[in-house]
Amino acid sequence: MILLDATWLFKMQDGPVWKRMAETERTFCRKNWWANLLFVNNYFTVDEPCLQQGWYLATDFQLFILGLLLLAFVRRFPKSFRPTMGLAIILSYVSPALVTYFYNLEGVVMIRPE
């Protein structure tokens, strides 16, 4: 998909906004293809996305690896199951709250007509 987006997709469609949008994405894909292949595009090259939907794949892969590491740790140390899972649950609640607070984001999606 990255190869298609970086080469032929630009020529496969036409429309009033297509050239501008596709040219920008083609440039970003040619420059940042490596971030999508390594599934790190949600940390690096965020301001120049290659595939808009690629952030989900990267996040899903990273959470899968984190889950495997947690399970490997719990399997190695079975008595640490409750504290480890408790810490993981607490961090899953606290980290979005801290990001929302420190970046001054709104807690809910606000759709405004302007």
N, C-alpha and C. Protein backbone atom coordinates (compact mmCIF):
# COMPACT_ATOMS: atom_id res chain seq x y z
N MET A 1 0.82 -1.18 0.00
CA MET A 1 0.00 0.00 0.00
C MET A 1 0.87 1.25 0.00
N ILE A 2 1.96 1.22 0.76
CA ILE A 2 2.86 2.38 0.79
C ILE A 2 3.47 2.60 -0.58
N LEU A 3 3.88 1.51 -1.22
CA LEU A 3 4.46 1.61 -2.56
C LEU A 3 3.45 2.17 -3.56
N LEU A 4 2.22 1.71 -3.49
CA LEU A 4 1.17 2.23 -4.37
C LEU A 4 0.92 3.71 -4.10
N ASP A 5 0.86 4.08 -2.84
CA ASP A 5 0.60 5.47 -2.47
C ASP A 5 1.75 6.38 -2.89
N ALA A 6 2.96 5.88 -2.84
CA ALA A 6 4.12 6.70 -3.19
C ALA A 6 4.35 6.80 -4.69
N THR A 7 3.68 5.96 -5.49
CA THR A 7 3.94 5.97 -6.93
C THR A 7 2.70 6.21 -7.77
N TRP A 8 1.78 5.25 -7.86
CA TRP A 8 0.71 5.27 -8.85
C TRP A 8 -0.61 5.87 -8.39
N LEU A 9 -0.87 5.91 -7.12
CA LEU A 9 -2.17 6.37 -6.64
C LEU A 9 -2.48 7.80 -7.09
N PHE A 10 -1.45 8.61 -7.19
CA PHE A 10 -1.60 10.00 -7.62
C PHE A 10 -2.24 10.08 -9.01
N LYS A 11 -1.96 9.11 -9.88
CA LYS A 11 -2.45 9.15 -11.26
C LYS A 11 -3.74 8.36 -11.47
N MET A 12 -4.26 7.75 -10.44
CA MET A 12 -5.42 6.88 -10.59
C MET A 12 -6.75 7.57 -10.38
N GLN A 13 -6.75 8.83 -10.04
CA GLN A 13 -7.99 9.53 -9.74
C GLN A 13 -7.85 10.98 -10.18
N ASP A 14 -8.96 11.66 -10.22
CA ASP A 14 -8.95 13.07 -10.58
C ASP A 14 -10.11 13.75 -9.87
N GLY A 15 -9.92 14.99 -9.52
CA GLY A 15 -10.97 15.73 -8.84
C GLY A 15 -10.47 17.10 -8.43
N PRO A 16 -11.34 17.93 -7.89
CA PRO A 16 -10.95 19.30 -7.57
C PRO A 16 -9.87 19.41 -6.49
N VAL A 17 -9.86 18.51 -5.53
CA VAL A 17 -8.88 18.59 -4.45
C VAL A 17 -7.89 17.43 -4.50
N TRP A 18 -8.10 16.50 -5.40
CA TRP A 18 -7.32 15.27 -5.42
C TRP A 18 -5.84 15.53 -5.65
N LYS A 19 -5.50 16.35 -6.62
CA LYS A 19 -4.08 16.57 -6.94
C LYS A 19 -3.33 17.11 -5.74
N ARG A 20 -3.90 18.10 -5.07
CA ARG A 20 -3.22 18.70 -3.92
C ARG A 20 -3.08 17.70 -2.78
N MET A 21 -4.14 16.96 -2.49
CA MET A 21 -4.12 16.00 -1.40
C MET A 21 -3.19 14.83 -1.72
N ALA A 22 -3.32 14.28 -2.90
CA ALA A 22 -2.53 13.11 -3.27
C ALA A 22 -1.06 13.45 -3.44
N GLU A 23 -0.76 14.62 -3.95
CA GLU A 23 0.65 15.03 -4.10
C GLU A 23 1.31 15.17 -2.73
N THR A 24 0.61 15.73 -1.77
CA THR A 24 1.15 15.87 -0.43
C THR A 24 1.41 14.50 0.19
N GLU A 25 0.44 13.61 0.09
CA GLU A 25 0.61 12.28 0.67
C GLU A 25 1.70 11.50 -0.06
N ARG A 26 1.80 11.67 -1.36
CA ARG A 26 2.85 10.98 -2.11
C ARG A 26 4.23 11.45 -1.66
N THR A 27 4.38 12.74 -1.45
CA THR A 27 5.65 13.29 -0.97
C THR A 27 5.99 12.73 0.41
N PHE A 28 5.00 12.70 1.29
CA PHE A 28 5.23 12.18 2.64
C PHE A 28 5.56 10.69 2.62
N CYS A 29 4.91 9.92 1.74
CA CYS A 29 5.18 8.48 1.66
C CYS A 29 6.59 8.21 1.12
N ARG A 30 7.02 9.02 0.19
CA ARG A 30 8.37 8.84 -0.34
C ARG A 30 9.42 9.19 0.71
N LYS A 31 9.08 10.11 1.59
CA LYS A 31 10.03 10.56 2.60
C LYS A 31 9.98 9.70 3.87
N ASN A 32 8.80 9.27 4.28
CA ASN A 32 8.62 8.62 5.58
C ASN A 32 8.12 7.19 5.50
N TRP A 33 8.43 6.48 4.44
CA TRP A 33 7.96 5.11 4.27
C TRP A 33 8.45 4.19 5.38
N TRP A 34 9.65 4.44 5.87
CA TRP A 34 10.26 3.58 6.88
C TRP A 34 9.47 3.58 8.19
N ALA A 35 8.86 4.70 8.55
CA ALA A 35 8.11 4.79 9.81
C ALA A 35 6.88 3.89 9.78
N ASN A 36 6.23 3.78 8.64
CA ASN A 36 5.07 2.89 8.52
C ASN A 36 5.49 1.42 8.54
N LEU A 37 6.61 1.10 7.91
CA LEU A 37 7.06 -0.29 7.89
C LEU A 37 7.50 -0.77 9.27
N LEU A 38 8.05 0.13 10.09
CA LEU A 38 8.49 -0.23 11.43
C LEU A 38 7.41 -0.03 12.49
N PHE A 39 6.24 0.42 12.07
CA PHE A 39 5.11 0.69 12.97
C PHE A 39 5.46 1.69 14.07
N VAL A 40 6.17 2.74 13.71
CA VAL A 40 6.50 3.81 14.67
C VAL A 40 6.01 5.16 14.16
N ASN A 41 5.12 5.15 13.18
CA ASN A 41 4.66 6.40 12.58
C ASN A 41 3.76 7.21 13.51
N ASN A 42 3.33 6.65 14.63
CA ASN A 42 2.56 7.45 15.57
C ASN A 42 3.46 8.17 16.57
N TYR A 43 4.76 7.93 16.52
CA TYR A 43 5.73 8.66 17.33
C TYR A 43 6.64 9.54 16.48
N PHE A 44 7.07 9.03 15.36
CA PHE A 44 7.94 9.78 14.45
C PHE A 44 7.13 10.18 13.23
N THR A 45 7.49 11.25 12.62
CA THR A 45 6.86 11.76 11.39
C THR A 45 5.35 11.96 11.54
N VAL A 46 4.92 12.39 12.71
CA VAL A 46 3.48 12.58 12.96
C VAL A 46 2.94 13.74 12.13
N ASP A 47 3.74 14.77 11.94
CA ASP A 47 3.28 15.94 11.18
C ASP A 47 3.32 15.73 9.67
N GLU A 48 3.91 14.62 9.22
CA GLU A 48 3.97 14.29 7.80
C GLU A 48 3.51 12.85 7.59
N PRO A 49 2.21 12.57 7.74
CA PRO A 49 1.75 11.18 7.67
C PRO A 49 1.75 10.63 6.25
N CYS A 50 2.17 9.39 6.13
CA CYS A 50 2.15 8.71 4.83
C CYS A 50 0.76 8.16 4.57
N LEU A 51 0.32 7.22 5.35
CA LEU A 51 -1.03 6.67 5.25
C LEU A 51 -1.80 7.11 6.49
N GLN A 52 -2.90 7.80 6.28
CA GLN A 52 -3.66 8.33 7.42
C GLN A 52 -4.13 7.22 8.36
N GLN A 53 -4.50 6.08 7.82
CA GLN A 53 -4.99 4.99 8.65
C GLN A 53 -3.87 4.19 9.30
N GLY A 54 -2.63 4.48 8.97
CA GLY A 54 -1.50 3.72 9.50
C GLY A 54 -1.26 3.91 10.98
N TRP A 55 -1.73 5.01 11.57
CA TRP A 55 -1.51 5.22 13.00
C TRP A 55 -2.18 4.13 13.82
N TYR A 56 -3.33 3.64 13.35
CA TYR A 56 -4.03 2.60 14.10
C TYR A 56 -3.24 1.29 14.09
N LEU A 57 -2.69 0.94 12.95
CA LEU A 57 -1.89 -0.28 12.86
C LEU A 57 -0.68 -0.20 13.77
N ALA A 58 -0.02 0.96 13.80
CA ALA A 58 1.15 1.13 14.65
C ALA A 58 0.77 1.03 16.13
N THR A 59 -0.30 1.69 16.51
CA THR A 59 -0.74 1.64 17.91
C THR A 59 -1.16 0.24 18.31
N ASP A 60 -1.88 -0.44 17.45
CA ASP A 60 -2.32 -1.81 17.74
C ASP A 60 -1.11 -2.73 17.90
N PHE A 61 -0.13 -2.60 17.04
CA PHE A 61 1.07 -3.44 17.12
C PHE A 61 1.84 -3.16 18.41
N GLN A 62 1.99 -1.89 18.76
CA GLN A 62 2.73 -1.53 19.98
C GLN A 62 2.02 -2.04 21.23
N LEU A 63 0.70 -1.95 21.27
CA LEU A 63 -0.04 -2.47 22.42
C LEU A 63 0.02 -4.00 22.48
N PHE A 64 0.07 -4.65 21.33
CA PHE A 64 0.23 -6.10 21.29
C PHE A 64 1.57 -6.51 21.90
N ILE A 65 2.64 -5.81 21.53
CA ILE A 65 3.96 -6.10 22.08
C ILE A 65 3.98 -5.84 23.59
N LEU A 66 3.38 -4.74 24.02
CA LEU A 66 3.31 -4.44 25.45
C LEU A 66 2.55 -5.53 26.20
N GLY A 67 1.46 -6.01 25.63
CA GLY A 67 0.71 -7.10 26.25
C GLY A 67 1.52 -8.38 26.34
N LEU A 68 2.28 -8.68 25.30
CA LEU A 68 3.14 -9.87 25.34
C LEU A 68 4.20 -9.75 26.43
N LEU A 69 4.78 -8.57 26.57
CA LEU A 69 5.78 -8.36 27.62
C LEU A 69 5.17 -8.50 29.00
N LEU A 70 3.97 -7.95 29.18
CA LEU A 70 3.29 -8.10 30.48
C LEU A 70 2.99 -9.57 30.78
N LEU A 71 2.50 -10.29 29.79
CA LEU A 71 2.21 -11.71 30.00
C LEU A 71 3.47 -12.53 30.26
N ALA A 72 4.55 -12.21 29.58
CA ALA A 72 5.81 -12.92 29.81
C ALA A 72 6.31 -12.65 31.23
N PHE A 73 6.18 -11.41 31.69
CA PHE A 73 6.60 -11.06 33.05
C PHE A 73 5.76 -11.80 34.09
N VAL A 74 4.46 -11.82 33.89
CA VAL A 74 3.56 -12.49 34.84
C VAL A 74 3.78 -14.00 34.82
N ARG A 75 4.08 -14.53 33.66
CA ARG A 75 4.34 -15.97 33.60
C ARG A 75 5.65 -16.33 34.31
N ARG A 76 6.62 -15.45 34.19
CA ARG A 76 7.92 -15.69 34.84
C ARG A 76 7.80 -15.52 36.36
N PHE A 77 7.00 -14.56 36.79
CA PHE A 77 6.79 -14.29 38.21
C PHE A 77 5.29 -14.36 38.52
N PRO A 78 4.76 -15.55 38.74
CA PRO A 78 3.30 -15.72 38.90
C PRO A 78 2.71 -14.96 40.09
N LYS A 79 3.48 -14.76 41.14
CA LYS A 79 2.95 -14.05 42.31
C LYS A 79 2.77 -12.56 42.05
N SER A 80 3.33 -12.07 40.97
CA SER A 80 3.21 -10.64 40.67
C SER A 80 2.01 -10.33 39.78
N PHE A 81 1.12 -11.30 39.58
CA PHE A 81 -0.02 -11.10 38.68
C PHE A 81 -0.90 -9.94 39.11
N ARG A 82 -1.38 -9.98 40.35
CA ARG A 82 -2.29 -8.93 40.81
C ARG A 82 -1.64 -7.55 40.83
N PRO A 83 -0.44 -7.39 41.39
CA PRO A 83 0.16 -6.05 41.36
C PRO A 83 0.46 -5.55 39.95
N THR A 84 0.90 -6.45 39.08
CA THR A 84 1.21 -6.03 37.71
C THR A 84 -0.04 -5.61 36.96
N MET A 85 -1.09 -6.40 37.05
CA MET A 85 -2.33 -6.04 36.36
C MET A 85 -2.99 -4.82 36.99
N GLY A 86 -2.88 -4.69 38.30
CA GLY A 86 -3.41 -3.50 38.97
C GLY A 86 -2.69 -2.24 38.51
N LEU A 87 -1.36 -2.33 38.40
CA LEU A 87 -0.58 -1.19 37.91
C LEU A 87 -0.92 -0.88 36.46
N ALA A 88 -1.10 -1.90 35.65
CA ALA A 88 -1.46 -1.68 34.24
C ALA A 88 -2.83 -1.00 34.13
N ILE A 89 -3.77 -1.42 34.95
CA ILE A 89 -5.10 -0.79 34.91
C ILE A 89 -5.03 0.65 35.38
N ILE A 90 -4.29 0.91 36.45
CA ILE A 90 -4.16 2.28 36.95
C ILE A 90 -3.49 3.17 35.90
N LEU A 91 -2.43 2.67 35.28
CA LEU A 91 -1.74 3.46 34.24
C LEU A 91 -2.63 3.71 33.03
N SER A 92 -3.50 2.75 32.71
CA SER A 92 -4.38 2.96 31.56
C SER A 92 -5.42 4.04 31.82
N TYR A 93 -5.71 4.31 33.08
CA TYR A 93 -6.63 5.41 33.42
C TYR A 93 -5.88 6.73 33.61
N VAL A 94 -4.71 6.67 34.22
CA VAL A 94 -3.98 7.89 34.58
C VAL A 94 -3.31 8.52 33.37
N SER A 95 -2.73 7.72 32.48
CA SER A 95 -1.98 8.30 31.36
C SER A 95 -2.85 9.16 30.43
N PRO A 96 -4.05 8.75 30.02
CA PRO A 96 -4.86 9.66 29.20
C PRO A 96 -5.27 10.92 29.95
N ALA A 97 -5.51 10.78 31.25
CA ALA A 97 -5.88 11.96 32.04
C ALA A 97 -4.72 12.95 32.09
N LEU A 98 -3.50 12.46 32.26
CA LEU A 98 -2.34 13.35 32.30
C LEU A 98 -2.09 14.01 30.94
N VAL A 99 -2.23 13.26 29.87
CA VAL A 99 -2.06 13.84 28.54
C VAL A 99 -3.11 14.92 28.29
N THR A 100 -4.35 14.63 28.67
CA THR A 100 -5.42 15.62 28.51
C THR A 100 -5.14 16.87 29.32
N TYR A 101 -4.65 16.71 30.53
CA TYR A 101 -4.39 17.86 31.40
C TYR A 101 -3.19 18.67 30.91
N PHE A 102 -2.06 18.02 30.66
CA PHE A 102 -0.84 18.76 30.32
C PHE A 102 -0.88 19.39 28.93
N TYR A 103 -1.60 18.79 27.99
CA TYR A 103 -1.73 19.37 26.67
C TYR A 103 -2.96 20.27 26.54
N ASN A 104 -3.66 20.47 27.65
CA ASN A 104 -4.82 21.36 27.70
C ASN A 104 -5.87 20.96 26.66
N LEU A 105 -6.16 19.67 26.59
CA LEU A 105 -7.16 19.16 25.66
C LEU A 105 -8.52 19.12 26.35
N GLU A 106 -9.55 19.04 25.56
CA GLU A 106 -10.89 18.90 26.12
C GLU A 106 -11.15 17.42 26.40
N GLY A 107 -11.88 17.15 27.45
CA GLY A 107 -12.14 15.77 27.86
C GLY A 107 -13.06 15.01 26.93
N VAL A 108 -13.86 15.73 26.16
CA VAL A 108 -14.78 15.11 25.21
C VAL A 108 -14.60 15.79 23.86
N VAL A 109 -15.04 15.15 22.81
CA VAL A 109 -14.95 15.73 21.48
C VAL A 109 -16.03 16.80 21.35
N MET A 110 -15.60 18.01 21.05
CA MET A 110 -16.54 19.12 20.88
C MET A 110 -16.63 19.45 19.40
N ILE A 111 -17.81 19.32 18.83
CA ILE A 111 -18.02 19.66 17.42
C ILE A 111 -18.65 21.04 17.37
N ARG A 112 -17.90 21.96 16.79
CA ARG A 112 -18.37 23.34 16.71
C ARG A 112 -18.58 23.72 15.25
N PRO A 113 -19.60 24.52 14.97
CA PRO A 113 -19.90 24.86 13.57
C PRO A 113 -18.88 25.79 12.91
N GLU A 114 -18.05 26.48 13.67
CA GLU A 114 -17.11 27.40 13.01
C GLU A 114 -16.02 26.62 12.41
